[in-house]
Amino acid sequence: MKRYLISFLVILIASSHAQSQSHSFVGQNKFIIAWEVAFPSNDFISNESYSGGRIAYQKMVKENLSVGLGGSWNSFSEYVPVTTYQKPDGTGALTSDIVKEVYSFHSHLMLITTSKVAMH
């Protein structure tokens, strides 16, 4: 639980800093490289992944409209020490250690609109 909380706080601080800096880039093309933390959504792997990233490009086509293309990846890995697995009917067993690995890649298209906000 502590790892999830620390990861959440790091992501929250990093995203709020990125959003506060993004106002100076309104109306410009953007090339984005980012580090991603991912959490598993099933029981196959129980550890979060700090081995991820994102890369994207956004091109302004109008003053308040940009289109873009991006991709992200993550890799999960977990070692399971030597364990004996019994067949359900009790007629055999297997003893082994296991390395569970999952690699994911996601690509996305972006259509982003912006509006000018009066700052006081």
PDB file of N, CA and C in Angstrom:
ATOM      1  N   MET A   1       0.825  -1.200   0.000  1.00  0.00           N
ATOM      2  CA  MET A   1       0.000   0.000   0.000  1.00  0.00           C
ATOM      3  C   MET A   1       0.863   1.255   0.000  1.00  0.00           C
ATOM      4  N   LYS A   2       1.975   1.185   0.741  1.00  0.00           N
ATOM      5  CA  LYS A   2       2.862   2.342   0.807  1.00  0.00           C
ATOM      6  C   LYS A   2       3.433   2.663  -0.572  1.00  0.00           C
ATOM      7  N   ARG A   3       3.784   1.619  -1.353  1.00  0.00           N
ATOM      8  CA  ARG A   3       4.321   1.838  -2.700  1.00  0.00           C
ATOM      9  C   ARG A   3       3.284   2.507  -3.595  1.00  0.00           C
ATOM     10  N   TYR A   4       2.018   2.095  -3.488  1.00  0.00           N
ATOM     11  CA  TYR A   4       0.964   2.704  -4.291  1.00  0.00           C
ATOM     12  C   TYR A   4       0.796   4.183  -3.940  1.00  0.00           C
ATOM     13  N   LEU A   5       0.852   4.489  -2.656  1.00  0.00           N
ATOM     14  CA  LEU A   5       0.699   5.869  -2.217  1.00  0.00           C
ATOM     15  C   LEU A   5       1.856   6.737  -2.717  1.00  0.00           C
ATOM     16  N   ILE A   6       3.079   6.237  -2.591  1.00  0.00           N
ATOM     17  CA  ILE A   6       4.238   6.990  -3.070  1.00  0.00           C
ATOM     18  C   ILE A   6       4.162   7.183  -4.581  1.00  0.00           C
ATOM     19  N   SER A   7       3.805   6.130  -5.309  1.00  0.00           N
ATOM     20  CA  SER A   7       3.669   6.236  -6.765  1.00  0.00           C
ATOM     21  C   SER A   7       2.600   7.253  -7.137  1.00  0.00           C
ATOM     22  N   PHE A   8       1.473   7.218  -6.437  1.00  0.00           N
ATOM     23  CA  PHE A   8       0.392   8.162  -6.713  1.00  0.00           C
ATOM     24  C   PHE A   8       0.840   9.597  -6.476  1.00  0.00           C
ATOM     25  N   LEU A   9       1.549   9.830  -5.378  1.00  0.00           N
ATOM     26  CA  LEU A   9       2.014  11.186  -5.072  1.00  0.00           C
ATOM     27  C   LEU A   9       3.020  11.687  -6.110  1.00  0.00           C
ATOM     28  N   VAL A  10       3.928  10.822  -6.538  1.00  0.00           N
ATOM     29  CA  VAL A  10       4.896  11.213  -7.565  1.00  0.00           C
ATOM     30  C   VAL A  10       4.174  11.583  -8.859  1.00  0.00           C
ATOM     31  N   ILE A  11       3.207  10.774  -9.256  1.00  0.00           N
ATOM     32  CA  ILE A  11       2.455  11.048 -10.479  1.00  0.00           C
ATOM     33  C   ILE A  11       1.656  12.339 -10.337  1.00  0.00           C
ATOM     34  N   LEU A  12       1.031  12.547  -9.190  1.00  0.00           N
ATOM     35  CA  LEU A  12       0.240  13.754  -8.964  1.00  0.00           C
ATOM     36  C   LEU A  12       1.105  15.003  -9.040  1.00  0.00           C
ATOM     37  N   ILE A  13       2.242  14.977  -8.386  1.00  0.00           N
ATOM     38  CA  ILE A  13       3.135  16.138  -8.398  1.00  0.00           C
ATOM     39  C   ILE A  13       3.677  16.387  -9.796  1.00  0.00           C
ATOM     40  N   ALA A  14       4.101  15.328 -10.477  1.00  0.00           N
ATOM     41  CA  ALA A  14       4.651  15.484 -11.830  1.00  0.00           C
ATOM     42  C   ALA A  14       3.604  15.998 -12.802  1.00  0.00           C
ATOM     43  N   SER A  15       2.372  15.491 -12.732  1.00  0.00           N
ATOM     44  CA  SER A  15       1.344  15.939 -13.666  1.00  0.00           C
ATOM     45  C   SER A  15       0.901  17.368 -13.366  1.00  0.00           C
ATOM     46  N   SER A  16       0.828  17.749 -12.091  1.00  0.00           N
ATOM     47  CA  SER A  16       0.431  19.127 -11.782  1.00  0.00           C
ATOM     48  C   SER A  16       1.513  20.103 -12.222  1.00  0.00           C
ATOM     49  N   HIS A  17       2.786  19.712 -12.102  1.00  0.00           N
ATOM     50  CA  HIS A  17       3.879  20.564 -12.579  1.00  0.00           C
ATOM     51  C   HIS A  17       3.826  20.684 -14.101  1.00  0.00           C
ATOM     52  N   ALA A  18       3.571  19.550 -14.779  1.00  0.00           N
ATOM     53  CA  ALA A  18       3.499  19.576 -16.241  1.00  0.00           C
ATOM     54  C   ALA A  18       2.333  20.437 -16.715  1.00  0.00           C
ATOM     55  N   GLN A  19       1.196  20.369 -16.027  1.00  0.00           N
ATOM     56  CA  GLN A  19       0.043  21.168 -16.437  1.00  0.00           C
ATOM     57  C   GLN A  19       0.295  22.649 -16.197  1.00  0.00           C
ATOM     58  N   SER A  20       0.973  22.998 -15.112  1.00  0.00           N
ATOM     59  CA  SER A  20       1.229  24.405 -14.851  1.00  0.00           C
ATOM     60  C   SER A  20       2.210  24.972 -15.865  1.00  0.00           C
ATOM     61  N   GLN A  21       3.086  24.138 -16.415  1.00  0.00           N
ATOM     62  CA  GLN A  21       4.047  24.596 -17.405  1.00  0.00           C
ATOM     63  C   GLN A  21       3.456  24.606 -18.812  1.00  0.00           C
ATOM     64  N   SER A  22       2.366  23.884 -19.050  1.00  0.00           N
ATOM     65  CA  SER A  22       1.852  23.727 -20.404  1.00  0.00           C
ATOM     66  C   SER A  22       1.239  25.003 -20.967  1.00  0.00           C
ATOM     67  N   HIS A  23       0.846  25.960 -20.130  1.00  0.00           N
ATOM     68  CA  HIS A  23       0.217  27.169 -20.633  1.00  0.00           C
ATOM     69  C   HIS A  23       1.162  27.995 -21.491  1.00  0.00           C
ATOM     70  N   SER A  24       2.468  27.880 -21.268  1.00  0.00           N
ATOM     71  CA  SER A  24       3.414  28.635 -22.067  1.00  0.00           C
ATOM     72  C   SER A  24       3.595  28.035 -23.454  1.00  0.00           C
ATOM     73  N   PHE A  25       3.075  26.820 -23.690  1.00  0.00           N
ATOM     74  CA  PHE A  25       3.232  26.147 -24.971  1.00  0.00           C
ATOM     75  C   PHE A  25       1.956  26.143 -25.803  1.00  0.00           C
ATOM     76  N   VAL A  26       0.938  26.871 -25.409  1.00  0.00           N
ATOM     77  CA  VAL A  26      -0.312  26.898 -26.155  1.00  0.00           C
ATOM     78  C   VAL A  26      -0.033  27.458 -27.540  1.00  0.00           C
ATOM     79  N   GLY A  27      -0.508  26.742 -28.556  1.00  0.00           N
ATOM     80  CA  GLY A  27      -0.329  27.190 -29.933  1.00  0.00           C
ATOM     81  C   GLY A  27       0.955  26.724 -30.575  1.00  0.00           C
ATOM     82  N   GLN A  28       1.723  25.869 -29.917  1.00  0.00           N
ATOM     83  CA  GLN A  28       2.972  25.365 -30.482  1.00  0.00           C
ATOM     84  C   GLN A  28       2.883  23.855 -30.675  1.00  0.00           C
ATOM     85  N   ASN A  29       3.661  23.337 -31.649  1.00  0.00           N
ATOM     86  CA  ASN A  29       3.779  21.894 -31.811  1.00  0.00           C
ATOM     87  C   ASN A  29       4.504  21.337 -30.585  1.00  0.00           C
ATOM     88  N   LYS A  30       4.180  20.091 -30.228  1.00  0.00           N
ATOM     89  CA  LYS A  30       4.764  19.509 -29.020  1.00  0.00           C
ATOM     90  C   LYS A  30       5.321  18.127 -29.309  1.00  0.00           C
ATOM     91  N   PHE A  31       6.508  17.862 -28.799  1.00  0.00           N
ATOM     92  CA  PHE A  31       7.110  16.535 -28.793  1.00  0.00           C
ATOM     93  C   PHE A  31       7.216  16.134 -27.327  1.00  0.00           C
ATOM     94  N   ILE A  32       6.632  14.989 -26.969  1.00  0.00           N
ATOM     95  CA  ILE A  32       6.499  14.612 -25.560  1.00  0.00           C
ATOM     96  C   ILE A  32       7.215  13.289 -25.312  1.00  0.00           C
ATOM     97  N   ILE A  33       8.049  13.267 -24.284  1.00  0.00           N
ATOM     98  CA  ILE A  33       8.653  12.035 -23.782  1.00  0.00           C
ATOM     99  C   ILE A  33       8.355  11.996 -22.294  1.00  0.00           C
ATOM    100  N   ALA A  34       7.820  10.874 -21.819  1.00  0.00           N
ATOM    101  CA  ALA A  34       7.436  10.790 -20.409  1.00  0.00           C
ATOM    102  C   ALA A  34       7.729   9.403 -19.856  1.00  0.00           C
ATOM    103  N   TRP A  35       7.933   9.352 -18.563  1.00  0.00           N
ATOM    104  CA  TRP A  35       8.115   8.100 -17.828  1.00  0.00           C
ATOM    105  C   TRP A  35       6.753   7.694 -17.290  1.00  0.00           C
ATOM    106  N   GLU A  36       6.424   6.407 -17.381  1.00  0.00           N
ATOM    107  CA  GLU A  36       5.131   5.923 -16.896  1.00  0.00           C
ATOM    108  C   GLU A  36       5.299   4.852 -15.829  1.00  0.00           C
ATOM    109  N   VAL A  37       4.456   4.945 -14.831  1.00  0.00           N
ATOM    110  CA  VAL A  37       4.336   3.912 -13.808  1.00  0.00           C
ATOM    111  C   VAL A  37       3.012   3.206 -14.075  1.00  0.00           C
ATOM    112  N   ALA A  38       3.017   1.878 -14.033  1.00  0.00           N
ATOM    113  CA  ALA A  38       1.794   1.131 -14.324  1.00  0.00           C
ATOM    114  C   ALA A  38       1.498   0.144 -13.193  1.00  0.00           C
ATOM    115  N   PHE A  39       0.217  -0.129 -13.009  1.00  0.00           N
ATOM    116  CA  PHE A  39      -0.236  -1.063 -11.991  1.00  0.00           C
ATOM    117  C   PHE A  39      -0.979  -2.201 -12.673  1.00  0.00           C
ATOM    118  N   PRO A  40      -0.726  -3.455 -12.267  1.00  0.00           N
ATOM    119  CA  PRO A  40      -1.389  -4.587 -12.912  1.00  0.00           C
ATOM    120  C   PRO A  40      -2.893  -4.578 -12.616  1.00  0.00           C
ATOM    121  N   SER A  41      -3.649  -5.086 -13.571  1.00  0.00           N
ATOM    122  CA  SER A  41      -5.106  -5.101 -13.402  1.00  0.00           C
ATOM    123  C   SER A  41      -5.651  -6.512 -13.234  1.00  0.00           C
ATOM    124  N   ASN A  42      -4.767  -7.477 -12.965  1.00  0.00           N
ATOM    125  CA  ASN A  42      -5.228  -8.846 -12.755  1.00  0.00           C
ATOM    126  C   ASN A  42      -4.350  -9.519 -11.703  1.00  0.00           C
ATOM    127  N   ASP A  43      -4.548 -10.817 -11.483  1.00  0.00           N
ATOM    128  CA  ASP A  43      -3.810 -11.551 -10.458  1.00  0.00           C
ATOM    129  C   ASP A  43      -2.555 -12.239 -10.993  1.00  0.00           C
ATOM    130  N   PHE A  44      -2.274 -12.152 -12.290  1.00  0.00           N
ATOM    131  CA  PHE A  44      -1.116 -12.834 -12.857  1.00  0.00           C
ATOM    132  C   PHE A  44       0.190 -12.263 -12.311  1.00  0.00           C
ATOM    133  N   ILE A  45       0.282 -10.932 -12.260  1.00  0.00           N
ATOM    134  CA  ILE A  45       1.445 -10.243 -11.706  1.00  0.00           C
ATOM    135  C   ILE A  45       0.948  -9.287 -10.637  1.00  0.00           C
ATOM    136  N   SER A  46       1.657  -9.253  -9.491  1.00  0.00           N
ATOM    137  CA  SER A  46       1.179  -8.423  -8.392  1.00  0.00           C
ATOM    138  C   SER A  46       2.002  -7.159  -8.177  1.00  0.00           C
ATOM    139  N   ASN A  47       3.142  -7.025  -8.845  1.00  0.00           N
ATOM    140  CA  ASN A  47       4.002  -5.860  -8.635  1.00  0.00           C
ATOM    141  C   ASN A  47       3.752  -4.773  -9.672  1.00  0.00           C
ATOM    142  N   GLU A  48       3.846  -3.520  -9.238  1.00  0.00           N
ATOM    143  CA  GLU A  48       3.723  -2.408 -10.171  1.00  0.00           C
ATOM    144  C   GLU A  48       4.982  -2.330 -11.034  1.00  0.00           C
ATOM    145  N   SER A  49       4.884  -1.618 -12.146  1.00  0.00           N
ATOM    146  CA  SER A  49       6.006  -1.489 -13.068  1.00  0.00           C
ATOM    147  C   SER A  49       6.476  -0.043 -13.114  1.00  0.00           C
ATOM    148  N   TYR A  50       7.775   0.115 -12.945  1.00  0.00           N
ATOM    149  CA  TYR A  50       8.392   1.431 -13.106  1.00  0.00           C
ATOM    150  C   TYR A  50       9.159   1.480 -14.428  1.00  0.00           C
ATOM    151  N   SER A  51       8.979   0.467 -15.265  1.00  0.00           N
ATOM    152  CA  SER A  51       9.702   0.345 -16.537  1.00  0.00           C
ATOM    153  C   SER A  51       8.779   0.670 -17.698  1.00  0.00           C
ATOM    154  N   GLY A  52       8.312   1.889 -17.761  1.00  0.00           N
ATOM    155  CA  GLY A  52       7.420   2.267 -18.838  1.00  0.00           C
ATOM    156  C   GLY A  52       7.742   3.642 -19.353  1.00  0.00           C
ATOM    157  N   GLY A  53       7.191   3.959 -20.495  1.00  0.00           N
ATOM    158  CA  GLY A  53       7.416   5.273 -21.069  1.00  0.00           C
ATOM    159  C   GLY A  53       6.344   5.632 -22.069  1.00  0.00           C
ATOM    160  N   ARG A  54       6.380   6.868 -22.477  1.00  0.00           N
ATOM    161  CA  ARG A  54       5.430   7.389 -23.458  1.00  0.00           C
ATOM    162  C   ARG A  54       6.174   8.342 -24.365  1.00  0.00           C
ATOM    163  N   ILE A  55       5.819   8.307 -25.639  1.00  0.00           N
ATOM    164  CA  ILE A  55       6.367   9.243 -26.601  1.00  0.00           C
ATOM    165  C   ILE A  55       5.210   9.694 -27.493  1.00  0.00           C
ATOM    166  N   ALA A  56       5.151  10.972 -27.796  1.00  0.00           N
ATOM    167  CA  ALA A  56       4.035  11.496 -28.593  1.00  0.00           C
ATOM    168  C   ALA A  56       4.467  12.764 -29.319  1.00  0.00           C
ATOM    169  N   TYR A  57       3.718  13.083 -30.360  1.00  0.00           N
ATOM    170  CA  TYR A  57       3.925  14.327 -31.092  1.00  0.00           C
ATOM    171  C   TYR A  57       2.561  14.937 -31.389  1.00  0.00           C
ATOM    172  N   GLN A  58       2.424  16.240 -31.146  1.00  0.00           N
ATOM    173  CA  GLN A  58       1.183  16.970 -31.442  1.00  0.00           C
ATOM    174  C   GLN A  58       1.520  18.115 -32.384  1.00  0.00           C
ATOM    175  N   LYS A  59       0.760  18.225 -33.456  1.00  0.00           N
ATOM    176  CA  LYS A  59       0.961  19.298 -34.430  1.00  0.00           C
ATOM    177  C   LYS A  59      -0.255  20.204 -34.432  1.00  0.00           C
ATOM    178  N   MET A  60      -0.003  21.494 -34.331  1.00  0.00           N
ATOM    179  CA  MET A  60      -1.083  22.470 -34.389  1.00  0.00           C
ATOM    180  C   MET A  60      -1.562  22.594 -35.830  1.00  0.00           C
ATOM    181  N   VAL A  61      -2.866  22.414 -36.054  1.00  0.00           N
ATOM    182  CA  VAL A  61      -3.428  22.587 -37.396  1.00  0.00           C
ATOM    183  C   VAL A  61      -4.238  23.874 -37.482  1.00  0.00           C
ATOM    184  N   LYS A  62      -4.706  24.364 -36.355  1.00  0.00           N
ATOM    185  CA  LYS A  62      -5.362  25.662 -36.228  1.00  0.00           C
ATOM    186  C   LYS A  62      -4.910  26.255 -34.903  1.00  0.00           C
ATOM    187  N   GLU A  63      -5.307  27.467 -34.624  1.00  0.00           N
ATOM    188  CA  GLU A  63      -4.884  28.118 -33.383  1.00  0.00           C
ATOM    189  C   GLU A  63      -5.319  27.355 -32.137  1.00  0.00           C
ATOM    190  N   ASN A  64      -6.481  26.702 -32.215  1.00  0.00           N
ATOM    191  CA  ASN A  64      -7.000  26.000 -31.035  1.00  0.00           C
ATOM    192  C   ASN A  64      -7.209  24.504 -31.261  1.00  0.00           C
ATOM    193  N   LEU A  65      -6.548  23.932 -32.279  1.00  0.00           N
ATOM    194  CA  LEU A  65      -6.749  22.520 -32.598  1.00  0.00           C
ATOM    195  C   LEU A  65      -5.420  21.867 -32.964  1.00  0.00           C
ATOM    196  N   SER A  66      -5.142  20.736 -32.314  1.00  0.00           N
ATOM    197  CA  SER A  66      -3.937  19.985 -32.666  1.00  0.00           C
ATOM    198  C   SER A  66      -4.302  18.522 -32.856  1.00  0.00           C
ATOM    199  N   VAL A  67      -3.534  17.853 -33.689  1.00  0.00           N
ATOM    200  CA  VAL A  67      -3.678  16.415 -33.898  1.00  0.00           C
ATOM    201  C   VAL A  67      -2.342  15.784 -33.546  1.00  0.00           C
ATOM    202  N   GLY A  68      -2.380  14.535 -33.135  1.00  0.00           N
ATOM    203  CA  GLY A  68      -1.139  13.906 -32.742  1.00  0.00           C
ATOM    204  C   GLY A  68      -1.186  12.403 -32.809  1.00  0.00           C
ATOM    205  N   LEU A  69      -0.026  11.840 -32.625  1.00  0.00           N
ATOM    206  CA  LEU A  69       0.166  10.402 -32.633  1.00  0.00           C
ATOM    207  C   LEU A  69       1.121  10.073 -31.490  1.00  0.00           C
ATOM    208  N   GLY A  70       0.828   8.993 -30.787  1.00  0.00           N
ATOM    209  CA  GLY A  70       1.691   8.639 -29.666  1.00  0.00           C
ATOM    210  C   GLY A  70       1.670   7.157 -29.374  1.00  0.00           C
ATOM    211  N   GLY A  71       2.570   6.772 -28.523  1.00  0.00           N
ATOM    212  CA  GLY A  71       2.641   5.381 -28.105  1.00  0.00           C
ATOM    213  C   GLY A  71       3.182   5.298 -26.696  1.00  0.00           C
ATOM    214  N   SER A  72       2.826   4.241 -25.995  1.00  0.00           N
ATOM    215  CA  SER A  72       3.353   4.017 -24.656  1.00  0.00           C
ATOM    216  C   SER A  72       3.641   2.533 -24.490  1.00  0.00           C
ATOM    217  N   TRP A  73       4.540   2.227 -23.583  1.00  0.00           N
ATOM    218  CA  TRP A  73       4.900   0.842 -23.326  1.00  0.00           C
ATOM    219  C   TRP A  73       5.146   0.644 -21.830  1.00  0.00           C
ATOM    220  N   ASN A  74       4.951  -0.589 -21.409  1.00  0.00           N
ATOM    221  CA  ASN A  74       5.223  -0.982 -20.024  1.00  0.00           C
ATOM    222  C   ASN A  74       5.691  -2.427 -20.028  1.00  0.00           C
ATOM    223  N   SER A  75       6.516  -2.757 -19.070  1.00  0.00           N
ATOM    224  CA  SER A  75       6.924  -4.152 -18.905  1.00  0.00           C
ATOM    225  C   SER A  75       6.825  -4.516 -17.428  1.00  0.00           C
ATOM    226  N   PHE A  76       6.198  -5.650 -17.181  1.00  0.00           N
ATOM    227  CA  PHE A  76       6.041  -6.174 -15.827  1.00  0.00           C
ATOM    228  C   PHE A  76       6.873  -7.446 -15.716  1.00  0.00           C
ATOM    229  N   SER A  77       7.499  -7.647 -14.572  1.00  0.00           N
ATOM    230  CA  SER A  77       8.269  -8.868 -14.338  1.00  0.00           C
ATOM    231  C   SER A  77       8.172  -9.231 -12.863  1.00  0.00           C
ATOM    232  N   GLU A  78       7.980 -10.518 -12.613  1.00  0.00           N
ATOM    233  CA  GLU A  78       7.875 -10.990 -11.231  1.00  0.00           C
ATOM    234  C   GLU A  78       8.473 -12.390 -11.137  1.00  0.00           C
ATOM    235  N   TYR A  79       9.326 -12.604 -10.156  1.00  0.00           N
ATOM    236  CA  TYR A  79       9.940 -13.908  -9.925  1.00  0.00           C
ATOM    237  C   TYR A  79       9.141 -14.665  -8.873  1.00  0.00           C
ATOM    238  N   VAL A  80       8.819 -15.922  -9.177  1.00  0.00           N
ATOM    239  CA  VAL A  80       8.135 -16.809  -8.229  1.00  0.00           C
ATOM    240  C   VAL A  80       9.145 -17.888  -7.852  1.00  0.00           C
ATOM    241  N   PRO A  81       9.524 -17.976  -6.557  1.00  0.00           N
ATOM    242  CA  PRO A  81      10.528 -18.968  -6.155  1.00  0.00           C
ATOM    243  C   PRO A  81      10.050 -20.405  -6.376  1.00  0.00           C
ATOM    244  N   VAL A  82      10.959 -21.335  -6.187  1.00  0.00           N
ATOM    245  CA  VAL A  82      10.661 -22.756  -6.413  1.00  0.00           C
ATOM    246  C   VAL A  82       9.432 -23.174  -5.608  1.00  0.00           C
ATOM    247  N   THR A  83       8.465 -23.732  -6.329  1.00  0.00           N
ATOM    248  CA  THR A  83       7.199 -24.167  -5.741  1.00  0.00           C
ATOM    249  C   THR A  83       6.804 -25.495  -6.385  1.00  0.00           C
ATOM    250  N   THR A  84       6.150 -26.343  -5.643  1.00  0.00           N
ATOM    251  CA  THR A  84       5.634 -27.596  -6.198  1.00  0.00           C
ATOM    252  C   THR A  84       4.148 -27.421  -6.486  1.00  0.00           C
ATOM    253  N   TYR A  85       3.770 -27.732  -7.718  1.00  0.00           N
ATOM    254  CA  TYR A  85       2.375 -27.629  -8.167  1.00  0.00           C
ATOM    255  C   TYR A  85       1.830 -29.047  -8.351  1.00  0.00           C
ATOM    256  N   GLN A  86       0.758 -29.382  -7.636  1.00  0.00           N
ATOM    257  CA  GLN A  86       0.128 -30.703  -7.709  1.00  0.00           C
ATOM    258  C   GLN A  86      -0.986 -30.694  -8.742  1.00  0.00           C
ATOM    259  N   LYS A  87      -1.126 -31.798  -9.470  1.00  0.00           N
ATOM    260  CA  LYS A  87      -2.277 -31.955 -10.357  1.00  0.00           C
ATOM    261  C   LYS A  87      -3.528 -32.083  -9.487  1.00  0.00           C
ATOM    262  N   PRO A  88      -4.669 -31.558  -9.936  1.00  0.00           N
ATOM    263  CA  PRO A  88      -5.892 -31.623  -9.120  1.00  0.00           C
ATOM    264  C   PRO A  88      -6.292 -33.052  -8.722  1.00  0.00           C
ATOM    265  N   ASP A  89      -6.006 -34.035  -9.590  1.00  0.00           N
ATOM    266  CA  ASP A  89      -6.407 -35.410  -9.247  1.00  0.00           C
ATOM    267  C   ASP A  89      -5.339 -36.142  -8.427  1.00  0.00           C
ATOM    268  N   GLY A  90      -4.218 -35.463  -8.125  1.00  0.00           N
ATOM    269  CA  GLY A  90      -3.190 -36.045  -7.274  1.00  0.00           C
ATOM    270  C   GLY A  90      -2.275 -37.045  -7.957  1.00  0.00           C
ATOM    271  N   THR A  91      -2.327 -37.183  -9.271  1.00  0.00           N
ATOM    272  CA  THR A  91      -1.519 -38.192  -9.973  1.00  0.00           C
ATOM    273  C   THR A  91      -0.142 -37.683 -10.389  1.00  0.00           C
ATOM    274  N   GLY A  92       0.195 -36.459 -10.132  1.00  0.00           N
ATOM    275  CA  GLY A  92       1.506 -35.954 -10.521  1.00  0.00           C
ATOM    276  C   GLY A  92       1.766 -34.583  -9.933  1.00  0.00           C
ATOM    277  N   ALA A  93       3.019 -34.158 -10.064  1.00  0.00           N
ATOM    278  CA  ALA A  93       3.408 -32.855  -9.544  1.00  0.00           C
ATOM    279  C   ALA A  93       4.545 -32.287 -10.394  1.00  0.00           C
ATOM    280  N   LEU A  94       4.710 -30.992 -10.312  1.00  0.00           N
ATOM    281  CA  LEU A  94       5.783 -30.297 -11.029  1.00  0.00           C
ATOM    282  C   LEU A  94       6.416 -29.316 -10.053  1.00  0.00           C
ATOM    283  N   THR A  95       7.732 -29.317  -9.981  1.00  0.00           N
ATOM    284  CA  THR A  95       8.454 -28.378  -9.117  1.00  0.00           C
ATOM    285  C   THR A  95       9.312 -27.481  -9.997  1.00  0.00           C
ATOM    286  N   SER A  96       9.134 -26.164  -9.844  1.00  0.00           N
ATOM    287  CA  SER A  96       9.890 -25.225 -10.677  1.00  0.00           C
ATOM    288  C   SER A  96       9.792 -23.823 -10.109  1.00  0.00           C
ATOM    289  N   ASP A  97      10.726 -22.980 -10.532  1.00  0.00           N
ATOM    290  CA  ASP A  97      10.566 -21.547 -10.288  1.00  0.00           C
ATOM    291  C   ASP A  97      10.052 -20.931 -11.589  1.00  0.00           C
ATOM    292  N   ILE A  98       9.480 -19.736 -11.486  1.00  0.00           N
ATOM    293  CA  ILE A  98       8.836 -19.114 -12.650  1.00  0.00           C
ATOM    294  C   ILE A  98       9.207 -17.635 -12.692  1.00  0.00           C
ATOM    295  N   VAL A  99       9.416 -17.141 -13.881  1.00  0.00           N
ATOM    296  CA  VAL A  99       9.538 -15.700 -14.088  1.00  0.00           C
ATOM    297  C   VAL A  99       8.338 -15.295 -14.936  1.00  0.00           C
ATOM    298  N   LYS A 100       7.471 -14.506 -14.339  1.00  0.00           N
ATOM    299  CA  LYS A 100       6.284 -14.023 -15.056  1.00  0.00           C
ATOM    300  C   LYS A 100       6.636 -12.683 -15.689  1.00  0.00           C
ATOM    301  N   GLU A 101       6.373 -12.539 -16.983  1.00  0.00           N
ATOM    302  CA  GLU A 101       6.665 -11.288 -17.681  1.00  0.00           C
ATOM    303  C   GLU A 101       5.499 -10.917 -18.586  1.00  0.00           C
ATOM    304  N   VAL A 102       5.176  -9.634 -18.586  1.00  0.00           N
ATOM    305  CA  VAL A 102       4.135  -9.102 -19.458  1.00  0.00           C
ATOM    306  C   VAL A 102       4.676  -7.820 -20.082  1.00  0.00           C
ATOM    307  N   TYR A 103       4.564  -7.715 -21.396  1.00  0.00           N
ATOM    308  CA  TYR A 103       4.981  -6.510 -22.109  1.00  0.00           C
ATOM    309  C   TYR A 103       3.760  -5.958 -22.832  1.00  0.00           C
ATOM    310  N   SER A 104       3.561  -4.659 -22.726  1.00  0.00           N
ATOM    311  CA  SER A 104       2.410  -4.063 -23.405  1.00  0.00           C
ATOM    312  C   SER A 104       2.844  -2.819 -24.172  1.00  0.00           C
ATOM    313  N   PHE A 105       2.207  -2.608 -25.310  1.00  0.00           N
ATOM    314  CA  PHE A 105       2.433  -1.418 -26.121  1.00  0.00           C
ATOM    315  C   PHE A 105       1.076  -0.889 -26.545  1.00  0.00           C
ATOM    316  N   HIS A 106       0.893   0.407 -26.419  1.00  0.00           N
ATOM    317  CA  HIS A 106      -0.370   1.040 -26.787  1.00  0.00           C
ATOM    318  C   HIS A 106      -0.060   2.215 -27.707  1.00  0.00           C
ATOM    319  N   SER A 107      -0.802   2.317 -28.777  1.00  0.00           N
ATOM    320  CA  SER A 107      -0.652   3.480 -29.652  1.00  0.00           C
ATOM    321  C   SER A 107      -1.969   4.248 -29.640  1.00  0.00           C
ATOM    322  N   HIS A 108      -1.892   5.543 -29.879  1.00  0.00           N
ATOM    323  CA  HIS A 108      -3.112   6.344 -29.840  1.00  0.00           C
ATOM    324  C   HIS A 108      -3.001   7.540 -30.785  1.00  0.00           C
ATOM    325  N   LEU A 109      -4.158   7.931 -31.282  1.00  0.00           N
ATOM    326  CA  LEU A 109      -4.307   9.151 -32.068  1.00  0.00           C
ATOM    327  C   LEU A 109      -4.939  10.195 -31.166  1.00  0.00           C
ATOM    328  N   MET A 110      -4.520  11.446 -31.325  1.00  0.00           N
ATOM    329  CA  MET A 110      -5.049  12.507 -30.467  1.00  0.00           C
ATOM    330  C   MET A 110      -5.673  13.606 -31.310  1.00  0.00           C
ATOM    331  N   LEU A 111      -6.748  14.147 -30.834  1.00  0.00           N
ATOM    332  CA  LEU A 111      -7.381  15.342 -31.379  1.00  0.00           C
ATOM    333  C   LEU A 111      -7.663  16.231 -30.177  1.00  0.00           C
ATOM    334  N   ILE A 112      -6.939  17.335 -30.077  1.00  0.00           N
ATOM    335  CA  ILE A 112      -6.980  18.159 -28.872  1.00  0.00           C
ATOM    336  C   ILE A 112      -7.405  19.574 -29.230  1.00  0.00           C
ATOM    337  N   THR A 113      -8.385  20.083 -28.496  1.00  0.00           N
ATOM    338  CA  THR A 113      -8.809  21.464 -28.662  1.00  0.00           C
ATOM    339  C   THR A 113      -8.397  22.251 -27.425  1.00  0.00           C
ATOM    340  N   THR A 114      -8.081  23.492 -27.643  1.00  0.00           N
ATOM    341  CA  THR A 114      -7.706  24.363 -26.532  1.00  0.00           C
ATOM    342  C   THR A 114      -8.532  25.634 -26.605  1.00  0.00           C
ATOM    343  N   SER A 115      -8.683  26.271 -25.483  1.00  0.00           N
ATOM    344  CA  SER A 115      -9.364  27.557 -25.461  1.00  0.00           C
ATOM    345  C   SER A 115      -8.517  28.502 -24.636  1.00  0.00           C
ATOM    346  N   LYS A 116      -8.571  29.751 -24.967  1.00  0.00           N
ATOM    347  CA  LYS A 116      -7.812  30.729 -24.224  1.00  0.00           C
ATOM    348  C   LYS A 116      -8.603  31.131 -22.990  1.00  0.00           C
ATOM    349  N   VAL A 117      -7.930  31.108 -21.859  1.00  0.00           N
ATOM    350  CA  VAL A 117      -8.548  31.458 -20.585  1.00  0.00           C
ATOM    351  C   VAL A 117      -7.904  32.750 -20.109  1.00  0.00           C
ATOM    352  N   ALA A 118      -8.751  33.684 -19.730  1.00  0.00           N
ATOM    353  CA  ALA A 118      -8.220  34.969 -19.225  1.00  0.00           C
ATOM    354  C   ALA A 118      -7.602  34.741 -17.857  1.00  0.00           C
ATOM    355  N   MET A 119      -6.341  35.138 -17.701  1.00  0.00           N
ATOM    356  CA  MET A 119      -5.634  34.998 -16.434  1.00  0.00           C
ATOM    357  C   MET A 119      -5.667  36.338 -15.726  1.00  0.00           C
ATOM    358  N   HIS A 120      -6.084  36.351 -14.461  1.00  0.00           N
ATOM    359  CA  HIS A 120      -6.148  37.594 -13.682  1.00  0.00           C
ATOM    360  C   HIS A 120      -5.082  37.605 -12.626  1.00  0.00           C
TER     361      HIS A 120
END
